[in-house]
Amino acid sequence: KVNQVSKHFNILPFSLRKPSTI
């Protein structure tokens, strides 16, 4: 599941990549 989230975050802009859920 973590892999999927990582992939989604990769697509999202850096601005949205703020959350430290990774």
C-alpha atoms as a PDB file:
ATOM      1  CA  LYS A   1       0.000   0.000   0.000  1.00  0.00           C
ATOM      2  CA  VAL A   2       2.858   2.364   0.787  1.00  0.00           C
ATOM      3  CA  ASN A   3       4.157   1.898  -2.742  1.00  0.00           C
ATOM      4  CA  GLN A   4       0.877   3.112  -4.204  1.00  0.00           C
ATOM      5  CA  VAL A   5       0.898   6.176  -1.985  1.00  0.00           C
ATOM      6  CA  SER A   6       4.468   6.941  -3.002  1.00  0.00           C
ATOM      7  CA  LYS A   7       3.515   6.730  -6.646  1.00  0.00           C
ATOM      8  CA  HIS A   8       0.576   9.064  -6.106  1.00  0.00           C
ATOM      9  CA  PHE A   9       2.784  11.534  -4.287  1.00  0.00           C
ATOM     10  CA  ASN A  10       5.267  11.391  -7.143  1.00  0.00           C
ATOM     11  CA  ILE A  11       2.560  12.561  -9.521  1.00  0.00           C
ATOM     12  CA  LEU A  12       1.487  15.332  -7.173  1.00  0.00           C
ATOM     13  CA  PRO A  13       3.396  18.616  -7.251  1.00  0.00           C
ATOM     14  CA  PHE A  14       6.071  19.336  -4.669  1.00  0.00           C
ATOM     15  CA  SER A  15       3.656  21.743  -3.005  1.00  0.00           C
ATOM     16  CA  LEU A  16       1.303  18.887  -2.186  1.00  0.00           C
ATOM     17  CA  ARG A  17       4.242  16.683  -1.288  1.00  0.00           C
ATOM     18  CA  LYS A  18       4.484  18.579   1.980  1.00  0.00           C
ATOM     19  CA  PRO A  19       2.843  15.971   4.236  1.00  0.00           C
ATOM     20  CA  SER A  20       5.418  13.658   5.798  1.00  0.00           C
ATOM     21  CA  THR A  21       3.235  10.575   5.330  1.00  0.00           C
ATOM     22  CA  ILE A  22       6.001   8.924   3.339  1.00  0.00           C
END
